[in-house]
């Protein structure tokens, strides 16, 4: 797995952009609780243009001593020509026991030329030491492309990217396409991924129907897909994130 630094590349907009004032709650035109994706037009997608904040519920690890949540800012910018554009900043917060929460990862706008992004929490491992999450990036006004699956390791406080694309190519070849979605951890600790049919003008779909596979790392390779033997049976626990955090 490739390690990702705590903050990815910050894209600098040129042309005299400035943040559009939004002097409402916490400096935002809207604060939406319980979700992790937001745009400058709000949760309704057709609201007035302005800066907004989305805050997810806190996903608790087994045992309840560790939890994580996501906060995503939609920053409304205007340039000298009064044209508006939107940037997202998505932050992964982690809380351990009674300690103060800390920022484990931040996705800034501008990575690979994109200005929109979001993080989605998926599942904690059974031992509560790893968190599976999904990063989506896009360029407004287009839709997100295929998600990037990440793992947060509580022992190192580092976030790594799972080399899923290489594993998919090794299993199905390079002349087809599929849509991937993280499902969670199995009871055995494997990463469960749903591989669904997807085709475009350039390549056919890799498989006719969706199936859930288990991804396992391998020291000598980027990992491999295996049949999912033991699906996750425990339920997830969520709670409201602590107040007073940015």
C-alpha atoms as a PDB file:
ATOM      1  CA  UNK A   1       0.000   0.000   0.000  1.00  0.00           C
ATOM      2  CA  UNK A   2       1.241   3.497  -0.769  1.00  0.00           C
ATOM      3  CA  UNK A   3       1.318   5.890   2.157  1.00  0.00           C
ATOM      4  CA  UNK A   4      -0.393   9.232   1.739  1.00  0.00           C
ATOM      5  CA  UNK A   5       0.782  12.251   3.645  1.00  0.00           C
ATOM      6  CA  UNK A   6      -1.657  13.873   6.035  1.00  0.00           C
ATOM      7  CA  UNK A   7      -2.575  16.522   3.492  1.00  0.00           C
ATOM      8  CA  UNK A   8      -2.599  16.173  -0.282  1.00  0.00           C
ATOM      9  CA  UNK A   9      -1.590  18.879  -2.741  1.00  0.00           C
ATOM     10  CA  UNK A  10      -3.206  22.300  -2.337  1.00  0.00           C
ATOM     11  CA  UNK A  11      -4.222  23.843  -5.629  1.00  0.00           C
ATOM     12  CA  UNK A  12      -3.643  27.602  -5.877  1.00  0.00           C
ATOM     13  CA  UNK A  13      -6.307  29.397  -7.886  1.00  0.00           C
ATOM     14  CA  UNK A  14      -4.995  32.363  -9.829  1.00  0.00           C
ATOM     15  CA  UNK A  15      -6.750  35.514 -10.916  1.00  0.00           C
ATOM     16  CA  UNK A  16      -7.478  37.160  -7.574  1.00  0.00           C
ATOM     17  CA  UNK A  17     -10.003  34.739  -6.100  1.00  0.00           C
ATOM     18  CA  UNK A  18     -11.426  35.472  -2.670  1.00  0.00           C
ATOM     19  CA  UNK A  19     -13.719  33.593  -0.348  1.00  0.00           C
ATOM     20  CA  UNK A  20     -17.331  34.610  -0.729  1.00  0.00           C
ATOM     21  CA  UNK A  21     -18.620  35.947   2.608  1.00  0.00           C
ATOM     22  CA  UNK A  22     -21.238  33.819   4.332  1.00  0.00           C
ATOM     23  CA  UNK A  23     -21.672  35.244   7.849  1.00  0.00           C
ATOM     24  CA  UNK A  24     -24.110  32.650   9.139  1.00  0.00           C
ATOM     25  CA  UNK A  25     -23.623  29.811  11.628  1.00  0.00           C
ATOM     26  CA  UNK A  26     -19.889  29.216  12.202  1.00  0.00           C
ATOM     27  CA  UNK A  27     -19.180  31.436   9.184  1.00  0.00           C
ATOM     28  CA  UNK A  28     -21.081  29.156   6.783  1.00  0.00           C
ATOM     29  CA  UNK A  29     -24.260  29.721   4.858  1.00  0.00           C
ATOM     30  CA  UNK A  30     -25.334  26.207   5.865  1.00  0.00           C
ATOM     31  CA  UNK A  31     -24.055  23.516   8.238  1.00  0.00           C
ATOM     32  CA  UNK A  32     -25.434  20.068   7.455  1.00  0.00           C
ATOM     33  CA  UNK A  33     -25.164  17.337  10.089  1.00  0.00           C
ATOM     34  CA  UNK A  34     -25.043  13.626   9.366  1.00  0.00           C
ATOM     35  CA  UNK A  35     -23.576  13.781   5.832  1.00  0.00           C
ATOM     36  CA  UNK A  36     -20.043  13.974   4.461  1.00  0.00           C
ATOM     37  CA  UNK A  37     -20.542  15.510   1.011  1.00  0.00           C
ATOM     38  CA  UNK A  38     -21.553  19.076   0.258  1.00  0.00           C
ATOM     39  CA  UNK A  39     -21.330  21.610  -2.584  1.00  0.00           C
ATOM     40  CA  UNK A  40     -21.498  25.399  -2.597  1.00  0.00           C
ATOM     41  CA  UNK A  41     -25.160  25.116  -3.578  1.00  0.00           C
ATOM     42  CA  UNK A  42     -25.975  23.094  -0.490  1.00  0.00           C
ATOM     43  CA  UNK A  43     -27.609  19.803   0.286  1.00  0.00           C
ATOM     44  CA  UNK A  44     -30.486  20.596  -2.098  1.00  0.00           C
ATOM     45  CA  UNK A  45     -28.006  21.208  -4.967  1.00  0.00           C
ATOM     46  CA  UNK A  46     -29.955  24.254  -6.110  1.00  0.00           C
ATOM     47  CA  UNK A  47     -29.542  26.598  -3.141  1.00  0.00           C
ATOM     48  CA  UNK A  48     -27.834  30.005  -3.203  1.00  0.00           C
ATOM     49  CA  UNK A  49     -24.096  29.973  -3.895  1.00  0.00           C
ATOM     50  CA  UNK A  50     -22.063  30.190  -0.696  1.00  0.00           C
ATOM     51  CA  UNK A  51     -19.639  28.453   1.667  1.00  0.00           C
ATOM     52  CA  UNK A  52     -21.021  25.447   3.533  1.00  0.00           C
ATOM     53  CA  UNK A  53     -19.953  22.703   5.940  1.00  0.00           C
ATOM     54  CA  UNK A  54     -20.999  19.051   6.173  1.00  0.00           C
ATOM     55  CA  UNK A  55     -20.269  16.951   9.265  1.00  0.00           C
ATOM     56  CA  UNK A  56     -20.851  13.194   9.334  1.00  0.00           C
ATOM     57  CA  UNK A  57     -21.829  11.061  12.288  1.00  0.00           C
ATOM     58  CA  UNK A  58     -18.951   9.525  14.268  1.00  0.00           C
ATOM     59  CA  UNK A  59     -18.341   5.882  13.342  1.00  0.00           C
ATOM     60  CA  UNK A  60     -17.287   3.997  16.460  1.00  0.00           C
ATOM     61  CA  UNK A  61     -14.702   1.207  16.422  1.00  0.00           C
ATOM     62  CA  UNK A  62     -15.544  -2.079  18.177  1.00  0.00           C
ATOM     63  CA  UNK A  63     -15.144  -1.574  21.902  1.00  0.00           C
ATOM     64  CA  UNK A  64     -16.128   2.082  21.698  1.00  0.00           C
ATOM     65  CA  UNK A  65     -12.730   3.533  22.621  1.00  0.00           C
ATOM     66  CA  UNK A  66     -12.037   4.989  19.172  1.00  0.00           C
ATOM     67  CA  UNK A  67     -14.229   6.899  16.741  1.00  0.00           C
ATOM     68  CA  UNK A  68     -13.901   8.857  13.504  1.00  0.00           C
ATOM     69  CA  UNK A  69     -15.926  11.391  11.573  1.00  0.00           C
ATOM     70  CA  UNK A  70     -15.575  13.534   8.456  1.00  0.00           C
ATOM     71  CA  UNK A  71     -15.981  17.260   7.979  1.00  0.00           C
ATOM     72  CA  UNK A  72     -16.175  18.635   4.450  1.00  0.00           C
ATOM     73  CA  UNK A  73     -16.025  22.320   3.622  1.00  0.00           C
ATOM     74  CA  UNK A  74     -17.413  23.729   0.390  1.00  0.00           C
ATOM     75  CA  UNK A  75     -15.555  27.014  -0.057  1.00  0.00           C
ATOM     76  CA  UNK A  76     -17.245  29.499  -2.366  1.00  0.00           C
ATOM     77  CA  UNK A  77     -14.764  31.621  -4.305  1.00  0.00           C
ATOM     78  CA  UNK A  78     -15.275  34.555  -6.640  1.00  0.00           C
ATOM     79  CA  UNK A  79     -12.742  35.961  -9.091  1.00  0.00           C
ATOM     80  CA  UNK A  80     -12.241  39.459 -10.437  1.00  0.00           C
ATOM     81  CA  UNK A  81     -14.894  38.841 -13.097  1.00  0.00           C
ATOM     82  CA  UNK A  82     -17.413  37.905 -10.366  1.00  0.00           C
ATOM     83  CA  UNK A  83     -17.514  34.324 -11.597  1.00  0.00           C
ATOM     84  CA  UNK A  84     -18.042  31.802  -8.831  1.00  0.00           C
ATOM     85  CA  UNK A  85     -16.204  28.542  -8.299  1.00  0.00           C
ATOM     86  CA  UNK A  86     -16.237  25.990  -5.507  1.00  0.00           C
ATOM     87  CA  UNK A  87     -13.480  24.122  -3.665  1.00  0.00           C
ATOM     88  CA  UNK A  88     -13.823  21.258  -1.195  1.00  0.00           C
ATOM     89  CA  UNK A  89     -11.599  20.496   1.783  1.00  0.00           C
ATOM     90  CA  UNK A  90     -12.365  17.146   3.437  1.00  0.00           C
ATOM     91  CA  UNK A  91     -10.942  16.245   6.843  1.00  0.00           C
ATOM     92  CA  UNK A  92     -10.831  12.964   8.739  1.00  0.00           C
ATOM     93  CA  UNK A  93     -11.082  13.455  12.520  1.00  0.00           C
ATOM     94  CA  UNK A  94     -10.234  10.692  15.000  1.00  0.00           C
ATOM     95  CA  UNK A  95     -10.900  10.523  18.730  1.00  0.00           C
ATOM     96  CA  UNK A  96      -9.271   7.981  21.033  1.00  0.00           C
ATOM     97  CA  UNK A  97     -10.617   7.519  24.558  1.00  0.00           C
ATOM     98  CA  UNK A  98     -10.795  10.763  26.513  1.00  0.00           C
ATOM     99  CA  UNK A  99      -8.016  12.403  24.463  1.00  0.00           C
ATOM    100  CA  UNK A 100      -8.660  15.456  22.334  1.00  0.00           C
ATOM    101  CA  UNK A 101      -9.678  14.679  18.723  1.00  0.00           C
ATOM    102  CA  UNK A 102      -6.983  15.078  16.081  1.00  0.00           C
ATOM    103  CA  UNK A 103      -6.848  15.476  12.311  1.00  0.00           C
ATOM    104  CA  UNK A 104      -5.681  12.214  10.744  1.00  0.00           C
ATOM    105  CA  UNK A 105      -5.998  13.217   7.084  1.00  0.00           C
ATOM    106  CA  UNK A 106      -6.972  16.211   4.960  1.00  0.00           C
ATOM    107  CA  UNK A 107      -7.814  16.181   1.269  1.00  0.00           C
ATOM    108  CA  UNK A 108      -7.191  19.597  -0.236  1.00  0.00           C
ATOM    109  CA  UNK A 109      -8.510  20.802  -3.609  1.00  0.00           C
ATOM    110  CA  UNK A 110      -6.256  20.617  -6.616  1.00  0.00           C
ATOM    111  CA  UNK A 111      -5.103  16.991  -6.492  1.00  0.00           C
ATOM    112  CA  UNK A 112      -4.701  15.915 -10.131  1.00  0.00           C
ATOM    113  CA  UNK A 113      -6.490  19.094 -11.201  1.00  0.00           C
ATOM    114  CA  UNK A 114      -9.712  18.470  -9.274  1.00  0.00           C
ATOM    115  CA  UNK A 115     -11.432  21.008  -7.025  1.00  0.00           C
ATOM    116  CA  UNK A 116     -14.174  18.850  -5.495  1.00  0.00           C
ATOM    117  CA  UNK A 117     -13.705  16.014  -3.023  1.00  0.00           C
ATOM    118  CA  UNK A 118     -15.398  14.056  -0.249  1.00  0.00           C
ATOM    119  CA  UNK A 119     -14.588  11.277   2.227  1.00  0.00           C
ATOM    120  CA  UNK A 120     -16.951   8.455   3.175  1.00  0.00           C
ATOM    121  CA  UNK A 121     -16.406   6.296   6.241  1.00  0.00           C
ATOM    122  CA  UNK A 122     -17.092   2.625   5.539  1.00  0.00           C
ATOM    123  CA  UNK A 123     -16.047   0.338   8.390  1.00  0.00           C
ATOM    124  CA  UNK A 124     -13.649  -0.345  11.256  1.00  0.00           C
ATOM    125  CA  UNK A 125     -11.805  -3.648  11.410  1.00  0.00           C
ATOM    126  CA  UNK A 126     -12.839  -6.107  14.125  1.00  0.00           C
ATOM    127  CA  UNK A 127      -9.801  -5.205  16.266  1.00  0.00           C
ATOM    128  CA  UNK A 128     -10.573  -1.494  15.923  1.00  0.00           C
ATOM    129  CA  UNK A 129      -7.122  -0.683  14.540  1.00  0.00           C
ATOM    130  CA  UNK A 130      -7.940   0.012  10.885  1.00  0.00           C
ATOM    131  CA  UNK A 131     -10.586   2.208   9.281  1.00  0.00           C
ATOM    132  CA  UNK A 132     -11.694   1.722   5.687  1.00  0.00           C
ATOM    133  CA  UNK A 133     -12.801   4.887   3.939  1.00  0.00           C
ATOM    134  CA  UNK A 134     -13.464   6.130   0.445  1.00  0.00           C
ATOM    135  CA  UNK A 135     -12.115   9.256  -1.253  1.00  0.00           C
ATOM    136  CA  UNK A 136     -13.915  10.747  -4.231  1.00  0.00           C
ATOM    137  CA  UNK A 137     -12.576  13.623  -6.299  1.00  0.00           C
ATOM    138  CA  UNK A 138     -14.115  15.563  -9.169  1.00  0.00           C
ATOM    139  CA  UNK A 139     -13.977  18.816 -11.089  1.00  0.00           C
ATOM    140  CA  UNK A 140     -17.106  20.937 -10.873  1.00  0.00           C
ATOM    141  CA  UNK A 141     -19.617  20.596 -12.484  1.00  0.00           C
ATOM    142  CA  UNK A 142     -18.823  16.979 -13.434  1.00  0.00           C
ATOM    143  CA  UNK A 143     -19.688  13.938 -11.316  1.00  0.00           C
ATOM    144  CA  UNK A 144     -17.118  12.025  -9.214  1.00  0.00           C
ATOM    145  CA  UNK A 145     -14.996   9.425 -10.964  1.00  0.00           C
ATOM    146  CA  UNK A 146     -14.128   6.020  -9.542  1.00  0.00           C
ATOM    147  CA  UNK A 147     -13.497   6.196  -5.771  1.00  0.00           C
ATOM    148  CA  UNK A 148     -10.109   5.701  -4.143  1.00  0.00           C
ATOM    149  CA  UNK A 149     -10.101   3.302  -1.199  1.00  0.00           C
ATOM    150  CA  UNK A 150      -8.003   4.321   1.815  1.00  0.00           C
ATOM    151  CA  UNK A 151      -7.009   2.659   5.072  1.00  0.00           C
ATOM    152  CA  UNK A 152      -6.364   4.590   8.283  1.00  0.00           C
ATOM    153  CA  UNK A 153      -3.997   2.693  10.589  1.00  0.00           C
ATOM    154  CA  UNK A 154      -4.533   3.669  14.226  1.00  0.00           C
ATOM    155  CA  UNK A 155      -1.161   2.269  15.330  1.00  0.00           C
ATOM    156  CA  UNK A 156       0.779   4.619  13.034  1.00  0.00           C
ATOM    157  CA  UNK A 157      -1.882   7.336  12.531  1.00  0.00           C
ATOM    158  CA  UNK A 158      -1.155   7.123   8.803  1.00  0.00           C
ATOM    159  CA  UNK A 159      -3.486   6.854   5.813  1.00  0.00           C
ATOM    160  CA  UNK A 160      -2.571   4.571   2.899  1.00  0.00           C
ATOM    161  CA  UNK A 161      -4.138   3.999  -0.495  1.00  0.00           C
ATOM    162  CA  UNK A 162      -5.135   0.455  -1.393  1.00  0.00           C
ATOM    163  CA  UNK A 163      -3.704  -0.551  -4.821  1.00  0.00           C
ATOM    164  CA  UNK A 164      -7.082  -1.842  -5.955  1.00  0.00           C
ATOM    165  CA  UNK A 165      -6.662  -0.853  -9.611  1.00  0.00           C
ATOM    166  CA  UNK A 166      -3.569  -3.040  -9.973  1.00  0.00           C
ATOM    167  CA  UNK A 167      -5.320  -5.965  -8.309  1.00  0.00           C
ATOM    168  CA  UNK A 168      -8.348  -5.546 -10.582  1.00  0.00           C
ATOM    169  CA  UNK A 169      -6.126  -5.568 -13.660  1.00  0.00           C
ATOM    170  CA  UNK A 170      -4.317  -8.682 -12.436  1.00  0.00           C
ATOM    171  CA  UNK A 171      -7.633 -10.537 -12.009  1.00  0.00           C
ATOM    172  CA  UNK A 172      -9.568  -9.400 -15.068  1.00  0.00           C
ATOM    173  CA  UNK A 173      -6.952  -7.978 -17.435  1.00  0.00           C
ATOM    174  CA  UNK A 174      -6.449  -4.449 -18.695  1.00  0.00           C
ATOM    175  CA  UNK A 175      -9.015  -4.460 -21.524  1.00  0.00           C
ATOM    176  CA  UNK A 176     -12.179  -4.090 -19.441  1.00  0.00           C
ATOM    177  CA  UNK A 177     -13.737  -1.839 -16.816  1.00  0.00           C
ATOM    178  CA  UNK A 178     -15.617  -2.276 -13.542  1.00  0.00           C
ATOM    179  CA  UNK A 179     -17.022  -0.045 -10.825  1.00  0.00           C
ATOM    180  CA  UNK A 180     -15.613  -0.572  -7.334  1.00  0.00           C
ATOM    181  CA  UNK A 181     -17.179   0.195  -3.968  1.00  0.00           C
ATOM    182  CA  UNK A 182     -15.790  -0.511  -0.528  1.00  0.00           C
ATOM    183  CA  UNK A 183     -18.160  -2.658   1.547  1.00  0.00           C
ATOM    184  CA  UNK A 184     -16.313  -3.136   4.828  1.00  0.00           C
ATOM    185  CA  UNK A 185     -14.169  -5.652   6.674  1.00  0.00           C
ATOM    186  CA  UNK A 186     -14.989  -9.319   6.925  1.00  0.00           C
ATOM    187  CA  UNK A 187     -14.939 -11.016  10.315  1.00  0.00           C
ATOM    188  CA  UNK A 188     -11.570 -12.427   9.245  1.00  0.00           C
ATOM    189  CA  UNK A 189     -10.154  -8.934   8.648  1.00  0.00           C
ATOM    190  CA  UNK A 190     -10.259  -8.935   4.847  1.00  0.00           C
ATOM    191  CA  UNK A 191     -11.278  -5.799   2.951  1.00  0.00           C
ATOM    192  CA  UNK A 192     -14.577  -6.499   1.190  1.00  0.00           C
ATOM    193  CA  UNK A 193     -15.112  -4.764  -2.154  1.00  0.00           C
ATOM    194  CA  UNK A 194     -18.123  -4.898  -4.448  1.00  0.00           C
ATOM    195  CA  UNK A 195     -17.086  -5.155  -8.102  1.00  0.00           C
ATOM    196  CA  UNK A 196     -19.965  -4.111 -10.351  1.00  0.00           C
ATOM    197  CA  UNK A 197     -20.403  -4.112 -14.153  1.00  0.00           C
ATOM    198  CA  UNK A 198     -19.411  -0.921 -15.908  1.00  0.00           C
ATOM    199  CA  UNK A 199     -18.622  -0.176 -19.528  1.00  0.00           C
ATOM    200  CA  UNK A 200     -17.846   2.873 -21.622  1.00  0.00           C
ATOM    201  CA  UNK A 201     -17.111   3.620 -25.261  1.00  0.00           C
ATOM    202  CA  UNK A 202     -13.536   2.418 -24.965  1.00  0.00           C
ATOM    203  CA  UNK A 203     -13.770  -0.825 -22.947  1.00  0.00           C
ATOM    204  CA  UNK A 204     -16.369  -3.493 -22.127  1.00  0.00           C
ATOM    205  CA  UNK A 205     -17.382  -4.491 -18.618  1.00  0.00           C
ATOM    206  CA  UNK A 206     -15.123  -6.955 -16.770  1.00  0.00           C
ATOM    207  CA  UNK A 207     -18.033  -9.022 -15.438  1.00  0.00           C
ATOM    208  CA  UNK A 208     -21.756  -9.479 -16.190  1.00  0.00           C
ATOM    209  CA  UNK A 209     -23.093  -9.140 -12.637  1.00  0.00           C
ATOM    210  CA  UNK A 210     -21.904  -7.562  -9.399  1.00  0.00           C
ATOM    211  CA  UNK A 211     -20.017  -9.659  -6.882  1.00  0.00           C
ATOM    212  CA  UNK A 212     -18.370  -9.026  -3.531  1.00  0.00           C
ATOM    213  CA  UNK A 213     -14.730 -10.038  -3.301  1.00  0.00           C
ATOM    214  CA  UNK A 214     -12.167  -9.971  -0.515  1.00  0.00           C
ATOM    215  CA  UNK A 215      -8.962  -8.040  -1.082  1.00  0.00           C
ATOM    216  CA  UNK A 216      -5.844  -9.211   0.724  1.00  0.00           C
ATOM    217  CA  UNK A 217      -2.401  -7.557   0.702  1.00  0.00           C
ATOM    218  CA  UNK A 218       0.579  -9.539  -0.488  1.00  0.00           C
ATOM    219  CA  UNK A 219       4.180  -8.608   0.296  1.00  0.00           C
ATOM    220  CA  UNK A 220       5.403  -9.610  -3.148  1.00  0.00           C
ATOM    221  CA  UNK A 221       2.644  -7.769  -5.044  1.00  0.00           C
ATOM    222  CA  UNK A 222      -0.042  -5.114  -4.807  1.00  0.00           C
ATOM    223  CA  UNK A 223      -2.476  -7.619  -3.315  1.00  0.00           C
ATOM    224  CA  UNK A 224      -5.122  -9.804  -4.879  1.00  0.00           C
ATOM    225  CA  UNK A 225      -8.859 -10.406  -5.015  1.00  0.00           C
ATOM    226  CA  UNK A 226     -10.172 -13.615  -3.446  1.00  0.00           C
ATOM    227  CA  UNK A 227     -13.674 -15.057  -2.971  1.00  0.00           C
ATOM    228  CA  UNK A 228     -15.294 -13.551   0.129  1.00  0.00           C
ATOM    229  CA  UNK A 229     -15.551 -16.454   2.570  1.00  0.00           C
ATOM    230  CA  UNK A 230     -16.733 -14.778   5.771  1.00  0.00           C
ATOM    231  CA  UNK A 231     -18.819 -11.604   5.401  1.00  0.00           C
ATOM    232  CA  UNK A 232     -19.067  -9.120   8.232  1.00  0.00           C
ATOM    233  CA  UNK A 233     -21.789 -10.031  10.729  1.00  0.00           C
ATOM    234  CA  UNK A 234     -21.506  -7.334  13.387  1.00  0.00           C
ATOM    235  CA  UNK A 235     -23.490  -4.103  13.204  1.00  0.00           C
ATOM    236  CA  UNK A 236     -22.007  -0.603  13.075  1.00  0.00           C
ATOM    237  CA  UNK A 237     -22.331   1.892  15.900  1.00  0.00           C
ATOM    238  CA  UNK A 238     -22.532   5.625  15.252  1.00  0.00           C
ATOM    239  CA  UNK A 239     -22.671   8.617  17.568  1.00  0.00           C
ATOM    240  CA  UNK A 240     -22.761  12.376  17.284  1.00  0.00           C
ATOM    241  CA  UNK A 241     -19.260  13.854  16.952  1.00  0.00           C
ATOM    242  CA  UNK A 242     -18.078  16.044  19.852  1.00  0.00           C
ATOM    243  CA  UNK A 243     -19.082  19.676  19.664  1.00  0.00           C
ATOM    244  CA  UNK A 244     -16.632  22.525  19.657  1.00  0.00           C
ATOM    245  CA  UNK A 245     -14.363  21.130  16.944  1.00  0.00           C
ATOM    246  CA  UNK A 246     -13.812  23.150  13.738  1.00  0.00           C
END
